């Protein structure tokens, strides 16, 4: 397939074995070229058998792996998603779910829905549908990320100036 995939699972103390196993199975079946995959697996205790990984990456390593990727597969964390879309990567976001011990609650479902509503990412609620998500992300044009920081700063400055006159 020739498309580099970077998997990032964040640095919080939660495993995401379910996602790593799903990618391993796709590599095993030849759906994904294992040589094209690299993962930062964080606190997961499942160790991939078919693709390269490292528990944690320093900032430079992370930037290098992200830079090589065409597609980023990540958990539903805001920082991970925004970091990837800011770099123009196609993102598949899979929510960590409380019922699997992947997080304390299911807030990532709502975060992913919001990013999907903005047409920034491809959501994948079920790891059994990861192959479909990969096909979808490859053939879909997503919106570019636009920061709202300038508008927030301008609003604060206007408020301060208005109250200090």
N, C-alpha and C. Protein backbone atom coordinates (compact mmCIF):
# COMPACT_ATOMS: atom_id res chain seq x y z
N UNK A 1 0.82 -1.20 0.00
CA UNK A 1 0.00 0.00 0.00
C UNK A 1 0.86 1.26 0.00
N UNK A 2 2.03 1.23 0.64
CA UNK A 2 2.96 2.33 0.55
C UNK A 2 2.62 3.57 1.34
N UNK A 3 1.69 3.51 2.23
CA UNK A 3 1.33 4.66 3.04
C UNK A 3 1.84 4.44 4.46
N UNK A 4 2.66 5.35 4.94
CA UNK A 4 3.21 5.23 6.29
C UNK A 4 2.13 5.53 7.33
N UNK A 5 2.09 4.71 8.37
CA UNK A 5 1.12 4.85 9.45
C UNK A 5 1.87 5.02 10.77
N UNK A 6 1.51 6.06 11.50
CA UNK A 6 2.06 6.30 12.83
C UNK A 6 0.92 6.14 13.82
N UNK A 7 1.14 5.31 14.82
CA UNK A 7 0.16 5.10 15.87
C UNK A 7 0.69 5.78 17.12
N UNK A 8 -0.12 6.66 17.70
CA UNK A 8 0.28 7.29 18.95
C UNK A 8 -0.84 7.12 19.98
N UNK A 9 -0.46 6.59 21.13
CA UNK A 9 -1.45 6.28 22.15
C UNK A 9 -1.32 7.15 23.39
N UNK A 10 -0.59 8.24 23.28
CA UNK A 10 -0.51 9.18 24.38
C UNK A 10 0.39 8.73 25.51
N UNK A 11 0.40 9.53 26.57
CA UNK A 11 1.31 9.25 27.68
C UNK A 11 0.58 9.09 29.01
N UNK A 12 -0.76 9.04 28.97
CA UNK A 12 -1.48 8.79 30.21
C UNK A 12 -1.34 7.33 30.60
N UNK A 13 -1.53 7.04 31.87
CA UNK A 13 -1.27 5.69 32.37
C UNK A 13 -2.43 4.74 32.12
N UNK A 14 -2.81 4.63 30.85
CA UNK A 14 -3.86 3.70 30.45
C UNK A 14 -3.37 2.90 29.26
N UNK A 15 -3.68 1.61 29.26
CA UNK A 15 -3.34 0.75 28.13
C UNK A 15 -4.35 0.95 27.00
N UNK A 16 -3.94 0.60 25.79
CA UNK A 16 -4.87 0.57 24.66
C UNK A 16 -4.53 -0.65 23.81
N UNK A 17 -4.49 -1.80 24.50
CA UNK A 17 -4.14 -3.07 23.87
C UNK A 17 -5.07 -3.42 22.72
N UNK A 18 -6.34 -3.11 22.87
CA UNK A 18 -7.34 -3.44 21.87
C UNK A 18 -6.98 -2.89 20.49
N UNK A 19 -6.52 -1.65 20.45
CA UNK A 19 -6.15 -1.02 19.17
C UNK A 19 -4.89 -1.67 18.60
N UNK A 20 -3.90 -1.90 19.45
CA UNK A 20 -2.65 -2.51 18.98
C UNK A 20 -2.89 -3.91 18.41
N UNK A 21 -3.74 -4.68 19.06
CA UNK A 21 -4.07 -6.02 18.57
C UNK A 21 -4.76 -5.95 17.21
N UNK A 22 -5.65 -4.98 17.04
CA UNK A 22 -6.37 -4.83 15.77
C UNK A 22 -5.39 -4.52 14.63
N UNK A 23 -4.43 -3.63 14.89
CA UNK A 23 -3.43 -3.30 13.86
C UNK A 23 -2.55 -4.51 13.59
N UNK A 24 -2.17 -5.22 14.63
CA UNK A 24 -1.35 -6.43 14.47
C UNK A 24 -2.06 -7.45 13.56
N UNK A 25 -3.35 -7.62 13.78
CA UNK A 25 -4.13 -8.56 12.96
C UNK A 25 -4.18 -8.11 11.50
N UNK A 26 -4.33 -6.81 11.25
CA UNK A 26 -4.35 -6.30 9.88
C UNK A 26 -2.99 -6.51 9.21
N UNK A 27 -1.92 -6.36 9.96
CA UNK A 27 -0.58 -6.63 9.43
C UNK A 27 -0.42 -8.11 9.11
N UNK A 28 -0.90 -8.94 10.02
CA UNK A 28 -0.79 -10.39 9.84
C UNK A 28 -1.52 -10.85 8.58
N UNK A 29 -2.67 -10.24 8.31
CA UNK A 29 -3.46 -10.60 7.13
C UNK A 29 -2.94 -9.95 5.86
N UNK A 30 -1.99 -9.02 5.99
CA UNK A 30 -1.45 -8.35 4.82
C UNK A 30 -2.27 -7.16 4.36
N UNK A 31 -3.27 -6.78 5.15
CA UNK A 31 -4.10 -5.61 4.84
C UNK A 31 -3.27 -4.33 4.96
N UNK A 32 -2.38 -4.34 5.95
CA UNK A 32 -1.44 -3.24 6.17
C UNK A 32 -0.04 -3.82 6.00
N UNK A 33 0.82 -3.09 5.33
CA UNK A 33 2.22 -3.49 5.20
C UNK A 33 2.92 -3.17 6.53
N UNK A 34 3.33 -4.20 7.25
CA UNK A 34 3.91 -4.03 8.58
C UNK A 34 5.09 -3.07 8.59
N UNK A 35 5.87 -3.07 7.53
CA UNK A 35 7.04 -2.18 7.45
C UNK A 35 6.64 -0.71 7.40
N UNK A 36 5.39 -0.43 7.08
CA UNK A 36 4.91 0.94 6.99
C UNK A 36 4.35 1.47 8.31
N UNK A 37 4.37 0.64 9.36
CA UNK A 37 3.74 1.01 10.63
C UNK A 37 4.78 1.21 11.72
N UNK A 38 4.60 2.29 12.49
CA UNK A 38 5.39 2.49 13.70
C UNK A 38 4.44 3.00 14.78
N UNK A 39 4.61 2.49 15.99
CA UNK A 39 3.71 2.88 17.08
C UNK A 39 4.46 3.33 18.32
N UNK A 40 3.91 4.34 18.94
CA UNK A 40 4.31 4.76 20.28
C UNK A 40 3.20 4.22 21.17
N UNK A 41 3.49 3.14 21.93
CA UNK A 41 2.44 2.37 22.60
C UNK A 41 2.16 2.79 24.03
N UNK A 42 2.95 3.69 24.59
CA UNK A 42 2.68 4.19 25.93
C UNK A 42 2.64 3.09 26.97
N UNK A 43 1.58 3.09 27.78
CA UNK A 43 1.46 2.15 28.89
C UNK A 43 0.77 0.84 28.52
N UNK A 44 0.56 0.61 27.25
CA UNK A 44 -0.03 -0.67 26.83
C UNK A 44 0.93 -1.79 27.17
N UNK A 45 0.37 -2.93 27.60
CA UNK A 45 1.25 -4.06 27.90
C UNK A 45 1.22 -5.12 26.80
N UNK A 46 0.37 -4.93 25.82
CA UNK A 46 0.42 -5.78 24.63
C UNK A 46 1.56 -5.28 23.76
N UNK A 47 2.45 -6.18 23.39
CA UNK A 47 3.59 -5.82 22.57
C UNK A 47 3.35 -6.33 21.14
N UNK A 48 3.26 -5.41 20.18
CA UNK A 48 2.98 -5.81 18.79
C UNK A 48 3.99 -6.84 18.28
N UNK A 49 3.46 -7.78 17.50
CA UNK A 49 4.30 -8.85 16.95
C UNK A 49 4.72 -8.56 15.51
N UNK A 50 3.95 -7.71 14.83
CA UNK A 50 4.14 -7.55 13.39
C UNK A 50 4.62 -6.18 12.93
N UNK A 51 4.77 -5.24 13.84
CA UNK A 51 5.24 -3.91 13.45
C UNK A 51 6.12 -3.31 14.53
N UNK A 52 6.91 -2.33 14.14
CA UNK A 52 7.85 -1.70 15.07
C UNK A 52 7.13 -0.75 16.02
N UNK A 53 7.68 -0.65 17.21
CA UNK A 53 7.08 0.20 18.24
C UNK A 53 8.13 0.60 19.26
N UNK A 54 7.75 1.56 20.05
CA UNK A 54 8.53 1.98 21.21
C UNK A 54 7.53 2.44 22.25
N UNK A 55 7.82 2.19 23.51
CA UNK A 55 6.88 2.59 24.57
C UNK A 55 6.65 4.11 24.54
N UNK A 56 7.73 4.86 24.64
CA UNK A 56 7.63 6.32 24.64
C UNK A 56 8.68 6.91 23.72
N UNK A 57 8.34 8.03 23.12
CA UNK A 57 9.26 8.74 22.23
C UNK A 57 9.56 10.10 22.83
N UNK A 58 10.79 10.57 22.68
CA UNK A 58 11.06 11.95 23.09
C UNK A 58 10.49 12.87 22.01
N UNK A 59 10.52 14.15 22.25
CA UNK A 59 9.90 15.13 21.35
C UNK A 59 10.43 15.02 19.91
N UNK A 60 11.75 14.88 19.77
CA UNK A 60 12.35 14.79 18.44
C UNK A 60 11.94 13.51 17.72
N UNK A 61 11.97 12.39 18.44
CA UNK A 61 11.56 11.12 17.84
C UNK A 61 10.09 11.17 17.41
N UNK A 62 9.27 11.74 18.28
CA UNK A 62 7.84 11.85 17.99
C UNK A 62 7.62 12.68 16.72
N UNK A 63 8.29 13.82 16.65
CA UNK A 63 8.16 14.70 15.49
C UNK A 63 8.63 14.00 14.22
N UNK A 64 9.71 13.25 14.32
CA UNK A 64 10.25 12.53 13.16
C UNK A 64 9.25 11.48 12.66
N UNK A 65 8.70 10.68 13.59
CA UNK A 65 7.74 9.63 13.20
C UNK A 65 6.46 10.25 12.63
N UNK A 66 5.99 11.31 13.25
CA UNK A 66 4.79 12.00 12.76
C UNK A 66 5.07 12.55 11.36
N UNK A 67 6.24 13.09 11.15
CA UNK A 67 6.60 13.67 9.86
C UNK A 67 6.62 12.65 8.73
N UNK A 68 7.00 11.41 9.03
CA UNK A 68 7.07 10.36 8.02
C UNK A 68 5.69 9.81 7.66
N UNK A 69 4.72 10.02 8.53
CA UNK A 69 3.41 9.38 8.38
C UNK A 69 2.50 10.09 7.38
N UNK A 70 1.73 9.29 6.68
CA UNK A 70 0.63 9.79 5.86
C UNK A 70 -0.66 9.74 6.67
N UNK A 71 -0.76 8.69 7.50
CA UNK A 71 -1.95 8.45 8.32
C UNK A 71 -1.51 8.31 9.76
N UNK A 72 -2.27 8.94 10.66
CA UNK A 72 -2.03 8.80 12.10
C UNK A 72 -3.25 8.11 12.69
N UNK A 73 -3.00 7.02 13.40
CA UNK A 73 -4.05 6.35 14.15
C UNK A 73 -3.80 6.67 15.61
N UNK A 74 -4.80 7.22 16.27
CA UNK A 74 -4.61 7.67 17.63
C UNK A 74 -5.84 7.41 18.48
N UNK A 75 -5.66 7.57 19.78
CA UNK A 75 -6.78 7.52 20.72
C UNK A 75 -7.55 8.84 20.58
N UNK A 76 -8.61 8.99 21.32
CA UNK A 76 -9.44 10.18 21.18
C UNK A 76 -9.01 11.35 22.03
N UNK A 77 -7.73 11.52 22.26
CA UNK A 77 -7.24 12.65 23.05
C UNK A 77 -7.12 13.90 22.20
N UNK A 78 -7.55 15.02 22.75
CA UNK A 78 -7.54 16.28 22.02
C UNK A 78 -6.16 16.65 21.51
N UNK A 79 -5.15 16.56 22.36
CA UNK A 79 -3.79 16.94 21.97
C UNK A 79 -3.26 16.11 20.83
N UNK A 80 -3.48 14.81 20.89
CA UNK A 80 -2.99 13.91 19.84
C UNK A 80 -3.68 14.21 18.51
N UNK A 81 -4.98 14.44 18.56
CA UNK A 81 -5.73 14.70 17.32
C UNK A 81 -5.31 16.05 16.73
N UNK A 82 -5.31 17.09 17.54
CA UNK A 82 -4.97 18.43 17.04
C UNK A 82 -3.53 18.44 16.51
N UNK A 83 -2.61 17.81 17.24
CA UNK A 83 -1.23 17.76 16.80
C UNK A 83 -1.09 17.16 15.41
N UNK A 84 -1.85 16.11 15.13
CA UNK A 84 -1.76 15.45 13.83
C UNK A 84 -2.46 16.26 12.73
N UNK A 85 -3.65 16.80 13.01
CA UNK A 85 -4.34 17.54 11.95
C UNK A 85 -3.64 18.86 11.64
N UNK A 86 -2.99 19.46 12.64
CA UNK A 86 -2.22 20.68 12.39
C UNK A 86 -1.09 20.42 11.39
N UNK A 87 -0.57 19.20 11.41
CA UNK A 87 0.52 18.83 10.49
C UNK A 87 -0.02 18.29 9.17
N UNK A 88 -1.33 18.38 8.98
CA UNK A 88 -1.93 17.96 7.71
C UNK A 88 -2.03 16.45 7.52
N UNK A 89 -1.99 15.71 8.62
CA UNK A 89 -2.07 14.25 8.53
C UNK A 89 -3.53 13.81 8.47
N UNK A 90 -3.76 12.69 7.79
CA UNK A 90 -5.07 12.06 7.83
C UNK A 90 -5.12 11.27 9.13
N UNK A 91 -6.19 11.47 9.90
CA UNK A 91 -6.27 10.92 11.25
C UNK A 91 -7.44 9.96 11.38
N UNK A 92 -7.14 8.81 11.93
CA UNK A 92 -8.17 7.88 12.39
C UNK A 92 -8.13 7.92 13.91
N UNK A 93 -9.24 8.30 14.52
CA UNK A 93 -9.30 8.39 15.98
C UNK A 93 -10.20 7.29 16.52
N UNK A 94 -9.65 6.52 17.44
CA UNK A 94 -10.36 5.41 18.07
C UNK A 94 -10.50 5.75 19.56
N UNK A 95 -11.73 5.79 20.07
CA UNK A 95 -11.89 6.17 21.48
C UNK A 95 -11.45 5.08 22.45
N UNK A 96 -10.78 5.51 23.49
CA UNK A 96 -10.52 4.61 24.62
C UNK A 96 -11.87 4.48 25.34
N UNK A 97 -12.19 3.28 25.79
CA UNK A 97 -13.47 3.06 26.46
C UNK A 97 -13.26 2.52 27.87
N UNK A 98 -14.08 3.00 28.78
CA UNK A 98 -13.97 2.60 30.18
C UNK A 98 -14.20 1.10 30.37
N UNK A 99 -15.12 0.51 29.61
CA UNK A 99 -15.44 -0.91 29.81
C UNK A 99 -14.26 -1.84 29.54
N UNK A 100 -13.25 -1.34 28.83
CA UNK A 100 -12.04 -2.14 28.56
C UNK A 100 -10.86 -1.71 29.45
N UNK A 101 -11.12 -0.84 30.41
CA UNK A 101 -10.06 -0.35 31.29
C UNK A 101 -9.08 0.57 30.60
N UNK A 102 -9.55 1.23 29.51
CA UNK A 102 -8.68 2.10 28.72
C UNK A 102 -8.74 3.55 29.17
N UNK A 103 -9.74 3.88 29.97
CA UNK A 103 -9.89 5.22 30.53
C UNK A 103 -10.90 5.16 31.67
N UNK A 104 -11.06 6.26 32.38
CA UNK A 104 -11.98 6.28 33.52
C UNK A 104 -13.43 6.48 33.09
N UNK A 105 -13.65 7.05 31.90
CA UNK A 105 -15.00 7.25 31.38
C UNK A 105 -14.93 7.24 29.85
N UNK A 106 -16.04 7.56 29.22
CA UNK A 106 -16.10 7.49 27.75
C UNK A 106 -16.14 8.87 27.09
N UNK A 107 -15.49 9.86 27.69
CA UNK A 107 -15.50 11.21 27.14
C UNK A 107 -14.88 11.30 25.75
N UNK A 108 -14.01 10.35 25.39
CA UNK A 108 -13.38 10.41 24.07
C UNK A 108 -14.39 10.20 22.94
N UNK A 109 -15.50 9.56 23.24
CA UNK A 109 -16.56 9.42 22.23
C UNK A 109 -17.06 10.79 21.78
N UNK A 110 -17.28 11.69 22.76
CA UNK A 110 -17.77 13.03 22.45
C UNK A 110 -16.71 13.87 21.74
N UNK A 111 -15.46 13.75 22.18
CA UNK A 111 -14.39 14.50 21.54
C UNK A 111 -14.25 14.10 20.07
N UNK A 112 -14.25 12.82 19.82
CA UNK A 112 -14.12 12.33 18.45
C UNK A 112 -15.29 12.79 17.60
N UNK A 113 -16.49 12.77 18.16
CA UNK A 113 -17.67 13.22 17.41
C UNK A 113 -17.52 14.69 17.01
N UNK A 114 -17.01 15.51 17.91
CA UNK A 114 -16.84 16.93 17.59
C UNK A 114 -15.83 17.13 16.46
N UNK A 115 -14.72 16.42 16.52
CA UNK A 115 -13.73 16.52 15.44
C UNK A 115 -14.30 15.99 14.12
N UNK A 116 -15.10 14.94 14.20
CA UNK A 116 -15.75 14.39 13.01
C UNK A 116 -16.76 15.38 12.44
N UNK A 117 -17.53 16.02 13.32
CA UNK A 117 -18.51 17.02 12.87
C UNK A 117 -17.84 18.17 12.11
N UNK A 118 -16.59 18.46 12.44
CA UNK A 118 -15.83 19.51 11.75
C UNK A 118 -15.12 18.97 10.50
N UNK A 119 -15.32 17.69 10.20
CA UNK A 119 -14.70 17.02 9.06
C UNK A 119 -13.17 17.13 9.10
N UNK A 120 -12.61 16.88 10.30
CA UNK A 120 -11.16 16.93 10.47
C UNK A 120 -10.54 15.54 10.53
N UNK A 121 -11.34 14.54 10.90
CA UNK A 121 -10.81 13.19 11.15
C UNK A 121 -11.78 12.12 10.66
N UNK A 122 -11.29 10.89 10.68
CA UNK A 122 -12.12 9.71 10.44
C UNK A 122 -12.32 9.02 11.79
N UNK A 123 -13.55 8.98 12.29
CA UNK A 123 -13.77 8.27 13.56
C UNK A 123 -13.83 6.76 13.34
N UNK A 124 -13.39 6.01 14.31
CA UNK A 124 -13.49 4.55 14.25
C UNK A 124 -13.89 4.07 15.65
N UNK A 125 -15.17 3.88 15.86
CA UNK A 125 -15.68 3.53 17.19
C UNK A 125 -15.35 2.09 17.59
N UNK A 126 -15.12 1.23 16.60
CA UNK A 126 -14.95 -0.20 16.84
C UNK A 126 -13.66 -0.66 16.14
N UNK A 127 -12.74 -1.23 16.89
CA UNK A 127 -11.47 -1.66 16.31
C UNK A 127 -11.66 -2.75 15.25
N UNK A 128 -12.77 -3.45 15.28
CA UNK A 128 -13.06 -4.44 14.24
C UNK A 128 -13.36 -3.79 12.90
N UNK A 129 -13.57 -2.47 12.90
CA UNK A 129 -13.86 -1.73 11.66
C UNK A 129 -12.67 -0.88 11.23
N UNK A 130 -11.50 -1.18 11.76
CA UNK A 130 -10.31 -0.40 11.45
C UNK A 130 -9.95 -0.49 9.96
N UNK A 131 -10.14 -1.64 9.36
CA UNK A 131 -9.85 -1.79 7.93
C UNK A 131 -10.74 -0.86 7.10
N UNK A 132 -12.01 -0.76 7.46
CA UNK A 132 -12.95 0.14 6.77
C UNK A 132 -12.51 1.59 6.98
N UNK A 133 -12.09 1.93 8.20
CA UNK A 133 -11.63 3.29 8.49
C UNK A 133 -10.40 3.63 7.64
N UNK A 134 -9.50 2.68 7.47
CA UNK A 134 -8.31 2.91 6.64
C UNK A 134 -8.70 3.19 5.19
N UNK A 135 -9.64 2.41 4.66
CA UNK A 135 -10.13 2.65 3.30
C UNK A 135 -10.79 4.03 3.20
N UNK A 136 -11.58 4.37 4.21
CA UNK A 136 -12.28 5.65 4.22
C UNK A 136 -11.30 6.82 4.26
N UNK A 137 -10.34 6.77 5.17
CA UNK A 137 -9.41 7.88 5.35
C UNK A 137 -8.55 8.10 4.10
N UNK A 138 -8.21 7.03 3.43
CA UNK A 138 -7.38 7.15 2.22
C UNK A 138 -8.13 7.85 1.09
N UNK A 139 -9.47 7.69 1.05
CA UNK A 139 -10.24 8.27 -0.05
C UNK A 139 -11.02 9.51 0.29
N UNK A 140 -10.78 10.09 1.46
CA UNK A 140 -11.56 11.25 1.90
C UNK A 140 -10.70 12.49 2.02
N UNK A 141 -11.24 13.62 1.62
CA UNK A 141 -10.57 14.92 1.80
C UNK A 141 -11.14 15.53 3.07
N UNK A 142 -10.27 15.88 3.98
CA UNK A 142 -10.68 16.47 5.26
C UNK A 142 -10.39 17.96 5.27
N UNK A 143 -11.10 18.67 6.13
CA UNK A 143 -10.86 20.10 6.30
C UNK A 143 -9.50 20.33 6.94
N UNK A 144 -8.92 21.49 6.69
CA UNK A 144 -7.69 21.88 7.36
C UNK A 144 -8.04 22.43 8.74
N UNK A 145 -7.15 22.22 9.68
CA UNK A 145 -7.35 22.74 11.03
C UNK A 145 -7.10 24.24 11.04
N UNK A 146 -8.01 24.98 11.65
CA UNK A 146 -7.83 26.42 11.81
C UNK A 146 -7.89 26.76 13.28
N UNK A 147 -6.84 27.33 13.78
CA UNK A 147 -6.77 27.71 15.19
C UNK A 147 -7.67 28.90 15.48
N UNK A 148 -8.25 28.91 16.64
CA UNK A 148 -9.11 30.00 17.07
C UNK A 148 -8.38 30.91 18.07
N UNK A 149 -7.09 30.68 18.25
CA UNK A 149 -6.31 31.40 19.25
C UNK A 149 -6.34 32.92 19.02
N UNK A 150 -6.18 33.37 17.80
CA UNK A 150 -6.16 34.81 17.50
C UNK A 150 -7.48 35.46 17.91
N UNK A 151 -8.60 34.78 17.61
CA UNK A 151 -9.92 35.33 17.98
C UNK A 151 -10.06 35.45 19.49
N UNK A 152 -9.56 34.47 20.22
CA UNK A 152 -9.65 34.50 21.68
C UNK A 152 -8.80 35.64 22.23
N UNK A 153 -7.58 35.78 21.73
CA UNK A 153 -6.70 36.86 22.19
C UNK A 153 -7.31 38.23 21.89
N UNK A 154 -7.85 38.38 20.68
CA UNK A 154 -8.48 39.65 20.30
C UNK A 154 -9.65 39.97 21.22
N UNK A 155 -10.47 38.97 21.53
CA UNK A 155 -11.61 39.17 22.43
C UNK A 155 -11.15 39.62 23.81
N UNK A 156 -10.10 39.01 24.32
CA UNK A 156 -9.57 39.38 25.64
C UNK A 156 -9.02 40.80 25.60
N UNK A 157 -8.25 41.12 24.56
CA UNK A 157 -7.69 42.48 24.43
C UNK A 157 -8.81 43.52 24.34
N UNK A 158 -9.84 43.24 23.54
CA UNK A 158 -10.97 44.16 23.41
C UNK A 158 -11.67 44.36 24.75
N UNK A 159 -11.83 43.28 25.50
CA UNK A 159 -12.48 43.37 26.81
C UNK A 159 -11.64 44.23 27.76
N UNK A 160 -10.33 43.97 27.79
CA UNK A 160 -9.44 44.74 28.70
C UNK A 160 -9.45 46.20 28.31
N UNK A 161 -9.31 46.49 27.02
CA UNK A 161 -9.31 47.88 26.57
C UNK A 161 -10.63 48.57 26.88
N UNK A 162 -11.73 47.87 26.74
CA UNK A 162 -13.05 48.43 27.01
C UNK A 162 -13.28 48.73 28.47
N UNK A 163 -12.66 47.96 29.37
CA UNK A 163 -12.85 48.14 30.81
C UNK A 163 -11.81 49.08 31.42
N UNK A 164 -10.79 49.41 30.66
CA UNK A 164 -9.72 50.24 31.21
C UNK A 164 -9.83 51.70 30.72
N UNK A 165 -10.84 52.03 29.95
CA UNK A 165 -10.97 53.39 29.44
C UNK A 165 -11.49 54.35 30.46
